[in-house]
PDB file of N, CA and C in Angstrom:
ATOM      1  N   UNK A   1       0.818  -1.190   0.000  1.00  0.00           N
ATOM      2  CA  UNK A   1       0.000   0.000   0.000  1.00  0.00           C
ATOM      3  C   UNK A   1       0.870   1.265   0.000  1.00  0.00           C
ATOM      4  N   UNK A   2       1.988   1.251   0.707  1.00  0.00           N
ATOM      5  CA  UNK A   2       2.834   2.439   0.788  1.00  0.00           C
ATOM      6  C   UNK A   2       3.501   2.768  -0.544  1.00  0.00           C
ATOM      7  N   UNK A   3       3.723   1.775  -1.386  1.00  0.00           N
ATOM      8  CA  UNK A   3       4.382   2.011  -2.662  1.00  0.00           C
ATOM      9  C   UNK A   3       3.387   2.350  -3.770  1.00  0.00           C
ATOM     10  N   UNK A   4       2.124   2.255  -3.485  1.00  0.00           N
ATOM     11  CA  UNK A   4       1.078   2.502  -4.476  1.00  0.00           C
ATOM     12  C   UNK A   4       0.922   4.000  -4.734  1.00  0.00           C
ATOM     13  N   UNK A   5       0.773   4.388  -5.986  1.00  0.00           N
ATOM     14  CA  UNK A   5       0.541   5.794  -6.322  1.00  0.00           C
ATOM     15  C   UNK A   5      -0.891   6.167  -5.948  1.00  0.00           C
ATOM     16  N   UNK A   6      -1.077   7.400  -5.514  1.00  0.00           N
ATOM     17  CA  UNK A   6      -2.398   7.809  -5.022  1.00  0.00           C
ATOM     18  C   UNK A   6      -3.476   7.717  -6.091  1.00  0.00           C
ATOM     19  N   UNK A   7      -3.129   7.849  -7.344  1.00  0.00           N
ATOM     20  CA  UNK A   7      -4.155   7.771  -8.391  1.00  0.00           C
ATOM     21  C   UNK A   7      -4.769   6.377  -8.491  1.00  0.00           C
ATOM     22  N   UNK A   8      -4.108   5.375  -7.897  1.00  0.00           N
ATOM     23  CA  UNK A   8      -4.625   4.015  -7.922  1.00  0.00           C
ATOM     24  C   UNK A   8      -5.545   3.711  -6.733  1.00  0.00           C
ATOM     25  N   UNK A   9      -5.677   4.638  -5.806  1.00  0.00           N
ATOM     26  CA  UNK A   9      -6.557   4.452  -4.654  1.00  0.00           C
ATOM     27  C   UNK A   9      -7.986   4.828  -5.020  1.00  0.00           C
ATOM     28  N   UNK A  10      -8.923   4.323  -4.256  1.00  0.00           N
ATOM     29  CA  UNK A  10     -10.328   4.686  -4.454  1.00  0.00           C
ATOM     30  C   UNK A  10     -10.536   6.143  -4.051  1.00  0.00           C
ATOM     31  N   UNK A  11     -11.665   6.701  -4.458  1.00  0.00           N
ATOM     32  CA  UNK A  11     -11.983   8.084  -4.104  1.00  0.00           C
ATOM     33  C   UNK A  11     -12.041   8.297  -2.602  1.00  0.00           C
ATOM     34  N   UNK A  12     -12.572   7.313  -1.878  1.00  0.00           N
ATOM     35  CA  UNK A  12     -12.651   7.416  -0.424  1.00  0.00           C
ATOM     36  C   UNK A  12     -11.283   7.487   0.231  1.00  0.00           C
ATOM     37  N   UNK A  13     -10.342   6.659  -0.248  1.00  0.00           N
ATOM     38  CA  UNK A  13      -8.987   6.682   0.314  1.00  0.00           C
ATOM     39  C   UNK A  13      -8.266   7.966  -0.058  1.00  0.00           C
ATOM     40  N   UNK A  14      -8.486   8.471  -1.276  1.00  0.00           N
ATOM     41  CA  UNK A  14      -7.860   9.745  -1.662  1.00  0.00           C
ATOM     42  C   UNK A  14      -8.404  10.882  -0.805  1.00  0.00           C
ATOM     43  N   UNK A  15      -9.720  10.836  -0.500  1.00  0.00           N
ATOM     44  CA  UNK A  15     -10.322  11.853   0.362  1.00  0.00           C
ATOM     45  C   UNK A  15      -9.704  11.784   1.755  1.00  0.00           C
ATOM     46  N   UNK A  16      -9.526  10.580   2.286  1.00  0.00           N
ATOM     47  CA  UNK A  16      -8.892  10.426   3.604  1.00  0.00           C
ATOM     48  C   UNK A  16      -7.494  11.041   3.620  1.00  0.00           C
ATOM     49  N   UNK A  17      -6.717  10.752   2.583  1.00  0.00           N
ATOM     50  CA  UNK A  17      -5.350  11.279   2.530  1.00  0.00           C
ATOM     51  C   UNK A  17      -5.354  12.804   2.451  1.00  0.00           C
ATOM     52  N   UNK A  18      -6.271  13.364   1.682  1.00  0.00           N
ATOM     53  CA  UNK A  18      -6.365  14.828   1.588  1.00  0.00           C
ATOM     54  C   UNK A  18      -6.762  15.429   2.929  1.00  0.00           C
ATOM     55  N   UNK A  19      -7.691  14.793   3.625  1.00  0.00           N
ATOM     56  CA  UNK A  19      -8.120  15.291   4.935  1.00  0.00           C
ATOM     57  C   UNK A  19      -6.996  15.222   5.957  1.00  0.00           C
ATOM     58  N   UNK A  20      -6.250  14.138   5.948  1.00  0.00           N
ATOM     59  CA  UNK A  20      -5.117  14.010   6.864  1.00  0.00           C
ATOM     60  C   UNK A  20      -4.100  15.115   6.592  1.00  0.00           C
ATOM     61  N   UNK A  21      -3.844  15.377   5.315  1.00  0.00           N
ATOM     62  CA  UNK A  21      -2.904  16.438   4.949  1.00  0.00           C
ATOM     63  C   UNK A  21      -3.387  17.790   5.468  1.00  0.00           C
ATOM     64  N   UNK A  22      -4.667  18.092   5.296  1.00  0.00           N
ATOM     65  CA  UNK A  22      -5.233  19.365   5.765  1.00  0.00           C
ATOM     66  C   UNK A  22      -5.173  19.457   7.287  1.00  0.00           C
ATOM     67  N   UNK A  23      -5.523  18.382   7.982  1.00  0.00           N
ATOM     68  CA  UNK A  23      -5.528  18.401   9.445  1.00  0.00           C
ATOM     69  C   UNK A  23      -4.127  18.592  10.014  1.00  0.00           C
ATOM     70  N   UNK A  24      -3.105  18.100   9.324  1.00  0.00           N
ATOM     71  CA  UNK A  24      -1.729  18.266   9.799  1.00  0.00           C
ATOM     72  C   UNK A  24      -1.168  19.653   9.525  1.00  0.00           C
ATOM     73  N   UNK A  25      -1.901  20.489   8.814  1.00  0.00           N
ATOM     74  CA  UNK A  25      -1.470  21.868   8.573  1.00  0.00           C
ATOM     75  C   UNK A  25      -1.769  22.761   9.768  1.00  0.00           C
ATOM     76  N   UNK A  26      -2.410  22.204  10.794  1.00  0.00           N
ATOM     77  CA  UNK A  26      -2.766  22.935  12.008  1.00  0.00           C
ATOM     78  C   UNK A  26      -3.581  24.197  11.686  1.00  0.00           C
ATOM     79  N   UNK A  27      -4.730  24.028  11.021  1.00  0.00           N
ATOM     80  CA  UNK A  27      -5.529  25.187  10.606  1.00  0.00           C
ATOM     81  C   UNK A  27      -6.225  25.868  11.778  1.00  0.00           C
ATOM     82  N   UNK A  28      -6.581  27.119  11.592  1.00  0.00           N
ATOM     83  CA  UNK A  28      -7.354  27.873  12.574  1.00  0.00           C
ATOM     84  C   UNK A  28      -8.840  27.614  12.385  1.00  0.00           C
ATOM     85  N   UNK A  29      -9.250  27.450  11.124  1.00  0.00           N
ATOM     86  CA  UNK A  29     -10.650  27.199  10.792  1.00  0.00           C
ATOM     87  C   UNK A  29     -10.716  26.201   9.642  1.00  0.00           C
ATOM     88  N   UNK A  30     -11.683  25.306   9.712  1.00  0.00           N
ATOM     89  CA  UNK A  30     -11.943  24.361   8.630  1.00  0.00           C
ATOM     90  C   UNK A  30     -13.388  24.534   8.189  1.00  0.00           C
ATOM     91  N   UNK A  31     -13.607  24.644   6.900  1.00  0.00           N
ATOM     92  CA  UNK A  31     -14.940  24.762   6.326  1.00  0.00           C
ATOM     93  C   UNK A  31     -15.146  23.572   5.403  1.00  0.00           C
ATOM     94  N   UNK A  32     -16.130  22.746   5.726  1.00  0.00           N
ATOM     95  CA  UNK A  32     -16.405  21.553   4.934  1.00  0.00           C
ATOM     96  C   UNK A  32     -17.813  21.626   4.367  1.00  0.00           C
ATOM     97  N   UNK A  33     -17.946  21.304   3.098  1.00  0.00           N
ATOM     98  CA  UNK A  33     -19.247  21.261   2.436  1.00  0.00           C
ATOM     99  C   UNK A  33     -19.362  19.917   1.731  1.00  0.00           C
ATOM    100  N   UNK A  34     -20.342  19.124   2.123  1.00  0.00           N
ATOM    101  CA  UNK A  34     -20.525  17.826   1.496  1.00  0.00           C
ATOM    102  C   UNK A  34     -19.377  16.876   1.758  1.00  0.00           C
ATOM    103  N   UNK A  35     -18.855  16.934   2.942  1.00  0.00           N
ATOM    104  CA  UNK A  35     -17.644  16.199   3.294  1.00  0.00           C
ATOM    105  C   UNK A  35     -17.783  14.687   3.146  1.00  0.00           C
ATOM    106  N   UNK A  36     -18.943  14.140   3.444  1.00  0.00           N
ATOM    107  CA  UNK A  36     -19.119  12.690   3.419  1.00  0.00           C
ATOM    108  C   UNK A  36     -19.682  12.180   2.097  1.00  0.00           C
ATOM    109  N   UNK A  37     -19.871  13.046   1.124  1.00  0.00           N
ATOM    110  CA  UNK A  37     -20.506  12.651  -0.137  1.00  0.00           C
ATOM    111  C   UNK A  37     -19.792  11.505  -0.847  1.00  0.00           C
ATOM    112  N   UNK A  38     -18.480  11.438  -0.781  1.00  0.00           N
ATOM    113  CA  UNK A  38     -17.727  10.419  -1.511  1.00  0.00           C
ATOM    114  C   UNK A  38     -17.082   9.395  -0.588  1.00  0.00           C
ATOM    115  N   UNK A  39     -17.567   9.320   0.643  1.00  0.00           N
ATOM    116  CA  UNK A  39     -16.989   8.388   1.609  1.00  0.00           C
ATOM    117  C   UNK A  39     -17.936   7.234   1.879  1.00  0.00           C
ATOM    118  N   UNK A  40     -17.373   6.034   2.052  1.00  0.00           N
ATOM    119  CA  UNK A  40     -18.186   4.900   2.465  1.00  0.00           C
ATOM    120  C   UNK A  40     -18.425   4.995   3.973  1.00  0.00           C
ATOM    121  N   UNK A  41     -19.193   4.066   4.513  1.00  0.00           N
ATOM    122  CA  UNK A  41     -19.560   4.120   5.932  1.00  0.00           C
ATOM    123  C   UNK A  41     -18.337   4.071   6.839  1.00  0.00           C
ATOM    124  N   UNK A  42     -17.388   3.204   6.515  1.00  0.00           N
ATOM    125  CA  UNK A  42     -16.173   3.091   7.338  1.00  0.00           C
ATOM    126  C   UNK A  42     -15.401   4.410   7.357  1.00  0.00           C
ATOM    127  N   UNK A  43     -15.259   5.031   6.198  1.00  0.00           N
ATOM    128  CA  UNK A  43     -14.532   6.299   6.117  1.00  0.00           C
ATOM    129  C   UNK A  43     -15.297   7.414   6.825  1.00  0.00           C
ATOM    130  N   UNK A  44     -16.633   7.413   6.718  1.00  0.00           N
ATOM    131  CA  UNK A  44     -17.444   8.420   7.420  1.00  0.00           C
ATOM    132  C   UNK A  44     -17.295   8.282   8.925  1.00  0.00           C
ATOM    133  N   UNK A  45     -17.284   7.037   9.407  1.00  0.00           N
ATOM    134  CA  UNK A  45     -17.090   6.804  10.842  1.00  0.00           C
ATOM    135  C   UNK A  45     -15.714   7.278  11.289  1.00  0.00           C
ATOM    136  N   UNK A  46     -14.684   6.991  10.481  1.00  0.00           N
ATOM    137  CA  UNK A  46     -13.325   7.450  10.793  1.00  0.00           C
ATOM    138  C   UNK A  46     -13.284   8.966  10.872  1.00  0.00           C
ATOM    139  N   UNK A  47     -13.916   9.621   9.899  1.00  0.00           N
ATOM    140  CA  UNK A  47     -13.909  11.079   9.853  1.00  0.00           C
ATOM    141  C   UNK A  47     -14.656  11.672  11.042  1.00  0.00           C
ATOM    142  N   UNK A  48     -15.796  11.086  11.372  1.00  0.00           N
ATOM    143  CA  UNK A  48     -16.572  11.560  12.525  1.00  0.00           C
ATOM    144  C   UNK A  48     -15.733  11.492  13.794  1.00  0.00           C
ATOM    145  N   UNK A  49     -15.029  10.383  13.973  1.00  0.00           N
ATOM    146  CA  UNK A  49     -14.169  10.228  15.155  1.00  0.00           C
ATOM    147  C   UNK A  49     -13.009  11.225  15.126  1.00  0.00           C
ATOM    148  N   UNK A  50     -12.440  11.443  13.950  1.00  0.00           N
ATOM    149  CA  UNK A  50     -11.319  12.370  13.796  1.00  0.00           C
ATOM    150  C   UNK A  50     -11.727  13.803  14.112  1.00  0.00           C
ATOM    151  N   UNK A  51     -12.939  14.185  13.730  1.00  0.00           N
ATOM    152  CA  UNK A  51     -13.407  15.558  13.924  1.00  0.00           C
ATOM    153  C   UNK A  51     -14.197  15.749  15.219  1.00  0.00           C
ATOM    154  N   UNK A  52     -14.219  14.737  16.079  1.00  0.00           N
ATOM    155  CA  UNK A  52     -15.002  14.811  17.307  1.00  0.00           C
ATOM    156  C   UNK A  52     -14.522  15.927  18.231  1.00  0.00           C
ATOM    157  N   UNK A  53     -13.235  16.119  18.334  1.00  0.00           N
ATOM    158  CA  UNK A  53     -12.664  17.163  19.189  1.00  0.00           C
ATOM    159  C   UNK A  53     -11.626  17.950  18.400  1.00  0.00           C
ATOM    160  N   UNK A  54     -12.074  18.795  17.497  1.00  0.00           N
ATOM    161  CA  UNK A  54     -11.122  19.524  16.655  1.00  0.00           C
ATOM    162  C   UNK A  54     -10.341  20.571  17.446  1.00  0.00           C
ATOM    163  N   UNK A  55      -9.146  20.856  16.979  1.00  0.00           N
ATOM    164  CA  UNK A  55      -8.304  21.893  17.585  1.00  0.00           C
ATOM    165  C   UNK A  55      -8.463  23.221  16.857  1.00  0.00           C
ATOM    166  N   UNK A  56      -9.565  23.375  16.138  1.00  0.00           N
ATOM    167  CA  UNK A  56      -9.791  24.592  15.366  1.00  0.00           C
ATOM    168  C   UNK A  56     -11.294  24.842  15.270  1.00  0.00           C
ATOM    169  N   UNK A  57     -11.652  25.964  14.681  1.00  0.00           N
ATOM    170  CA  UNK A  57     -13.059  26.251  14.413  1.00  0.00           C
ATOM    171  C   UNK A  57     -13.486  25.350  13.266  1.00  0.00           C
ATOM    172  N   UNK A  58     -14.614  24.706  13.424  1.00  0.00           N
ATOM    173  CA  UNK A  58     -15.091  23.740  12.445  1.00  0.00           C
ATOM    174  C   UNK A  58     -16.476  24.154  11.970  1.00  0.00           C
ATOM    175  N   UNK A  59     -16.621  24.390  10.669  1.00  0.00           N
ATOM    176  CA  UNK A  59     -17.918  24.704  10.066  1.00  0.00           C
ATOM    177  C   UNK A  59     -18.214  23.593   9.073  1.00  0.00           C
ATOM    178  N   UNK A  60     -19.340  22.912   9.260  1.00  0.00           N
ATOM    179  CA  UNK A  60     -19.671  21.763   8.428  1.00  0.00           C
ATOM    180  C   UNK A  60     -21.053  21.943   7.816  1.00  0.00           C
ATOM    181  N   UNK A  61     -21.139  21.773   6.504  1.00  0.00           N
ATOM    182  CA  UNK A  61     -22.414  21.727   5.796  1.00  0.00           C
ATOM    183  C   UNK A  61     -22.562  20.294   5.306  1.00  0.00           C
ATOM    184  N   UNK A  62     -23.691  19.656   5.642  1.00  0.00           N
ATOM    185  CA  UNK A  62     -23.848  18.247   5.309  1.00  0.00           C
ATOM    186  C   UNK A  62     -25.308  17.902   5.069  1.00  0.00           C
ATOM    187  N   UNK A  63     -25.523  16.807   4.330  1.00  0.00           N
ATOM    188  CA  UNK A  63     -26.854  16.251   4.136  1.00  0.00           C
ATOM    189  C   UNK A  63     -27.117  15.130   5.141  1.00  0.00           C
ATOM    190  N   UNK A  64     -26.184  14.908   6.050  1.00  0.00           N
ATOM    191  CA  UNK A  64     -26.277  13.795   6.993  1.00  0.00           C
ATOM    192  C   UNK A  64     -26.387  14.291   8.434  1.00  0.00           C
ATOM    193  N   UNK A  65     -27.604  14.290   8.999  1.00  0.00           N
ATOM    194  CA  UNK A  65     -27.748  14.723  10.389  1.00  0.00           C
ATOM    195  C   UNK A  65     -27.015  13.808  11.365  1.00  0.00           C
ATOM    196  N   UNK A  66     -26.919  12.521  11.050  1.00  0.00           N
ATOM    197  CA  UNK A  66     -26.195  11.598  11.931  1.00  0.00           C
ATOM    198  C   UNK A  66     -24.720  11.981  12.013  1.00  0.00           C
ATOM    199  N   UNK A  67     -24.138  12.347  10.882  1.00  0.00           N
ATOM    200  CA  UNK A  67     -22.741  12.773  10.876  1.00  0.00           C
ATOM    201  C   UNK A  67     -22.572  14.049  11.693  1.00  0.00           C
ATOM    202  N   UNK A  68     -23.475  15.003  11.514  1.00  0.00           N
ATOM    203  CA  UNK A  68     -23.382  16.270  12.245  1.00  0.00           C
ATOM    204  C   UNK A  68     -23.513  16.072  13.750  1.00  0.00           C
ATOM    205  N   UNK A  69     -24.335  15.112  14.158  1.00  0.00           N
ATOM    206  CA  UNK A  69     -24.486  14.840  15.588  1.00  0.00           C
ATOM    207  C   UNK A  69     -23.197  14.321  16.207  1.00  0.00           C
ATOM    208  N   UNK A  70     -22.321  13.724  15.386  1.00  0.00           N
ATOM    209  CA  UNK A  70     -21.111  13.117  15.921  1.00  0.00           C
ATOM    210  C   UNK A  70     -19.868  13.979  15.859  1.00  0.00           C
ATOM    211  N   UNK A  71     -19.903  15.094  15.133  1.00  0.00           N
ATOM    212  CA  UNK A  71     -18.685  15.898  14.983  1.00  0.00           C
ATOM    213  C   UNK A  71     -18.740  17.155  15.834  1.00  0.00           C
ATOM    214  N   UNK A  72     -17.563  17.680  16.113  1.00  0.00           N
ATOM    215  CA  UNK A  72     -17.473  18.987  16.754  1.00  0.00           C
ATOM    216  C   UNK A  72     -17.341  18.995  18.248  1.00  0.00           C
ATOM    217  N   UNK A  73     -17.756  17.944  18.909  1.00  0.00           N
ATOM    218  CA  UNK A  73     -17.648  17.937  20.360  1.00  0.00           C
ATOM    219  C   UNK A  73     -18.544  18.984  21.006  1.00  0.00           C
ATOM    220  N   UNK A  74     -18.317  19.277  22.267  1.00  0.00           N
ATOM    221  CA  UNK A  74     -19.199  20.188  23.005  1.00  0.00           C
ATOM    222  C   UNK A  74     -19.069  21.652  22.601  1.00  0.00           C
ATOM    223  N   UNK A  75     -17.997  22.022  21.917  1.00  0.00           N
ATOM    224  CA  UNK A  75     -17.764  23.426  21.578  1.00  0.00           C
ATOM    225  C   UNK A  75     -18.162  23.787  20.155  1.00  0.00           C
ATOM    226  N   UNK A  76     -18.907  22.916  19.486  1.00  0.00           N
ATOM    227  CA  UNK A  76     -19.294  23.203  18.107  1.00  0.00           C
ATOM    228  C   UNK A  76     -20.166  24.456  18.064  1.00  0.00           C
ATOM    229  N   UNK A  77     -19.853  25.333  17.149  1.00  0.00           N
ATOM    230  CA  UNK A  77     -20.602  26.580  17.032  1.00  0.00           C
ATOM    231  C   UNK A  77     -21.788  26.406  16.100  1.00  0.00           C
ATOM    232  N   UNK A  78     -21.544  25.881  14.923  1.00  0.00           N
ATOM    233  CA  UNK A  78     -22.635  25.743  13.971  1.00  0.00           C
ATOM    234  C   UNK A  78     -22.351  24.600  13.004  1.00  0.00           C
ATOM    235  N   UNK A  79     -23.352  23.805  12.778  1.00  0.00           N
ATOM    236  CA  UNK A  79     -23.341  22.801  11.724  1.00  0.00           C
ATOM    237  C   UNK A  79     -24.643  22.990  10.977  1.00  0.00           C
ATOM    238  N   UNK A  80     -24.622  22.834   9.686  1.00  0.00           N
ATOM    239  CA  UNK A  80     -25.802  23.102   8.880  1.00  0.00           C
ATOM    240  C   UNK A  80     -26.226  21.828   8.170  1.00  0.00           C
ATOM    241  N   UNK A  81     -27.496  21.486   8.286  1.00  0.00           N
ATOM    242  CA  UNK A  81     -28.061  20.313   7.643  1.00  0.00           C
ATOM    243  C   UNK A  81     -29.013  20.785   6.560  1.00  0.00           C
ATOM    244  N   UNK A  82     -28.755  20.373   5.330  1.00  0.00           N
ATOM    245  CA  UNK A  82     -29.593  20.780   4.211  1.00  0.00           C
ATOM    246  C   UNK A  82     -30.405  19.587   3.730  1.00  0.00           C
ATOM    247  N   UNK A  83     -31.718  19.755   3.677  1.00  0.00           N
ATOM    248  CA  UNK A  83     -32.583  18.684   3.222  1.00  0.00           C
ATOM    249  C   UNK A  83     -33.877  19.300   2.720  1.00  0.00           C
ATOM    250  N   UNK A  84     -34.283  18.931   1.554  1.00  0.00           N
ATOM    251  CA  UNK A  84     -35.553  19.397   0.992  1.00  0.00           C
ATOM    252  C   UNK A  84     -35.669  20.917   1.014  1.00  0.00           C
ATOM    253  N   UNK A  85     -34.591  21.586   0.675  1.00  0.00           N
ATOM    254  CA  UNK A  85     -34.551  23.050   0.596  1.00  0.00           C
ATOM    255  C   UNK A  85     -34.793  23.739   1.936  1.00  0.00           C
ATOM    256  N   UNK A  86     -34.617  23.013   3.012  1.00  0.00           N
ATOM    257  CA  UNK A  86     -34.747  23.597   4.346  1.00  0.00           C
ATOM    258  C   UNK A  86     -33.385  23.556   5.013  1.00  0.00           C
ATOM    259  N   UNK A  87     -33.157  24.476   5.894  1.00  0.00           N
ATOM    260  CA  UNK A  87     -31.881  24.559   6.596  1.00  0.00           C
ATOM    261  C   UNK A  87     -32.143  24.422   8.087  1.00  0.00           C
ATOM    262  N   UNK A  88     -31.455  23.494   8.709  1.00  0.00           N
ATOM    263  CA  UNK A  88     -31.555  23.315  10.155  1.00  0.00           C
ATOM    264  C   UNK A  88     -30.171  23.543  10.736  1.00  0.00           C
ATOM    265  N   UNK A  89     -30.099  24.294  11.802  1.00  0.00           N
ATOM    266  CA  UNK A  89     -28.806  24.638  12.394  1.00  0.00           C
ATOM    267  C   UNK A  89     -28.603  23.853  13.682  1.00  0.00           C
ATOM    268  N   UNK A  90     -27.451  23.194  13.769  1.00  0.00           N
ATOM    269  CA  UNK A  90     -27.037  22.507  14.994  1.00  0.00           C
ATOM    270  C   UNK A  90     -26.101  23.448  15.730  1.00  0.00           C
ATOM    271  N   UNK A  91     -26.032  23.298  17.031  1.00  0.00           N
ATOM    272  CA  UNK A  91     -25.014  24.079  17.725  1.00  0.00           C
ATOM    273  C   UNK A  91     -25.447  24.547  19.080  1.00  0.00           C
TER     274      UNK A  91
END
C-alpha cells in the first residue's frame, strides 16, 4: 500500500489522505461542504471520530444529520443540515 501511487486508490482513500494532509497543517478554521458525499460508511465513521474534538473552528455543511451529531464535540458553534430546501442549524 505504501508504494502505491495515489491515483490508484479509491476516491474514499484519496479523500482520507487529503483530509489528513489538511488536518496536519494545524488550521485555525476548517470549512467543509458535502464532506461525506464520496466516503463509504467506514470512512465516514473514521472522519466523525477524527473531527469529534477539533483543535480549530469547524464549520460543516452536510446532508447527513447523523454525521453532524457526531462531529465537533461540546464546543461546536454551527453545523448546517440541508434537506428538501430547508436549513436546520445545529449548535
